[in-house]
Amino acid sequence: MGIKAVGKYKLVITLERRIPYFDKLMGFAVFFPQSEKAVKKYGSKYGTASKYMIYNGPFVQKGWRPGPIFPGRWLRTSTTGTRRASS
């Protein structure tokens, strides 16, 4: 895989083989551009808590902590399945 910036607003990605869903992968947040200034400022803490991230738009992220997406929501009942935890 090769990545090359062509001009100020264009990125060219060359793959070793064709991946039909590659354009869909680019829609995931992990592939979004990052602020080099913020990454350097926060170093290894970047993205670990809301105070070590930057945002665009009118909203402010408060109280976020890393962890399971749905804590306690799903319980394993056997090695072959899951059941929804009662609310």
Protein backbone atom coordinates (compact mmCIF):
# COMPACT_ATOMS: atom_id res chain seq x y z
CA MET A 1 0.00 0.00 0.00
CA GLY A 2 1.24 3.46 -0.82
CA ILE A 3 -0.14 6.85 0.21
CA LYS A 4 0.84 10.08 -1.47
CA ALA A 5 -0.42 13.65 -1.12
CA VAL A 6 -1.02 15.24 -4.51
CA GLY A 7 -1.64 18.93 -4.02
CA LYS A 8 -3.26 20.51 -1.00
CA TYR A 9 -6.58 18.59 -1.05
CA LYS A 10 -5.94 15.29 -2.83
CA LEU A 11 -4.65 11.98 -1.47
CA VAL A 12 -3.75 9.07 -3.77
CA ILE A 13 -3.78 5.57 -2.27
CA THR A 14 -2.29 2.64 -4.19
CA LEU A 15 -3.24 -0.86 -3.03
CA GLU A 16 -1.38 -4.14 -3.63
CA ARG A 17 -4.64 -5.71 -4.83
CA ARG A 18 -8.18 -4.53 -5.57
CA ILE A 19 -10.48 -4.22 -2.54
CA PRO A 20 -14.06 -3.58 -3.78
CA TYR A 21 -15.23 -2.12 -0.44
CA PHE A 22 -12.19 0.12 0.13
CA ASP A 23 -14.19 3.31 -0.45
CA LYS A 24 -16.61 2.18 2.28
CA LEU A 25 -13.75 1.68 4.74
CA MET A 26 -12.69 5.28 4.18
CA GLY A 27 -16.01 6.37 5.75
CA PHE A 28 -14.98 5.03 9.17
CA ALA A 29 -13.72 7.60 11.68
CA VAL A 30 -10.40 5.80 12.13
CA PHE A 31 -9.51 6.86 8.58
CA PHE A 32 -10.46 10.52 9.00
CA PRO A 33 -7.64 13.09 8.83
CA GLN A 34 -6.12 14.05 12.17
CA SER A 35 -4.81 17.42 13.28
CA GLU A 36 -1.02 17.08 13.29
CA LYS A 37 -0.83 19.95 15.79
CA ALA A 38 -3.17 18.17 18.25
CA VAL A 39 -1.47 14.78 17.82
CA LYS A 40 1.91 16.34 18.61
CA LYS A 41 0.49 18.37 21.52
CA TYR A 42 -1.17 15.42 23.30
CA GLY A 43 1.29 12.73 22.22
CA SER A 44 0.39 9.23 23.43
CA LYS A 45 -2.64 10.63 25.31
CA TYR A 46 -4.28 11.80 22.07
CA GLY A 47 -7.74 10.24 21.77
CA THR A 48 -7.70 8.57 25.20
CA ALA A 49 -10.18 11.00 26.82
CA SER A 50 -12.36 13.87 25.65
CA LYS A 51 -9.92 16.45 26.98
CA TYR A 52 -7.19 14.98 24.73
CA MET A 53 -9.24 15.24 21.52
CA ILE A 54 -10.35 18.04 19.22
CA TYR A 55 -13.75 18.48 17.59
CA ASN A 56 -15.42 20.54 14.94
CA GLY A 57 -18.98 21.76 15.15
CA PRO A 58 -21.17 23.32 17.84
CA PHE A 59 -21.11 20.41 20.32
CA VAL A 60 -18.75 19.77 23.24
CA GLN A 61 -17.89 16.23 24.35
CA LYS A 62 -17.99 15.86 28.14
CA GLY A 63 -17.58 12.86 30.41
CA TRP A 64 -16.45 10.28 27.85
CA ARG A 65 -14.33 7.41 29.15
CA PRO A 66 -12.86 4.61 27.04
CA GLY A 67 -14.37 1.18 27.58
CA PRO A 68 -16.91 -1.27 26.19
CA ILE A 69 -19.46 0.23 23.83
CA PHE A 70 -22.38 -1.48 25.60
CA PRO A 71 -21.19 -2.27 29.14
CA GLY A 72 -23.37 -4.90 30.80
CA ARG A 73 -25.75 -4.96 27.85
CA TRP A 74 -24.91 -8.45 26.57
CA LEU A 75 -24.16 -11.50 28.69
CA ARG A 76 -22.61 -14.72 27.45
CA THR A 77 -24.80 -17.72 28.29
CA SER A 78 -22.70 -20.40 26.60
CA THR A 79 -19.76 -20.80 24.27
CA THR A 80 -22.12 -20.72 21.29
CA GLY A 81 -24.44 -17.79 21.93
CA THR A 82 -25.37 -14.63 23.75
CA ARG A 83 -28.50 -13.35 25.37
CA ARG A 84 -29.61 -9.83 26.09
CA ALA A 85 -29.28 -8.75 29.68
CA SER A 86 -32.53 -7.81 31.38
CA SER A 87 -33.03 -4.09 31.95
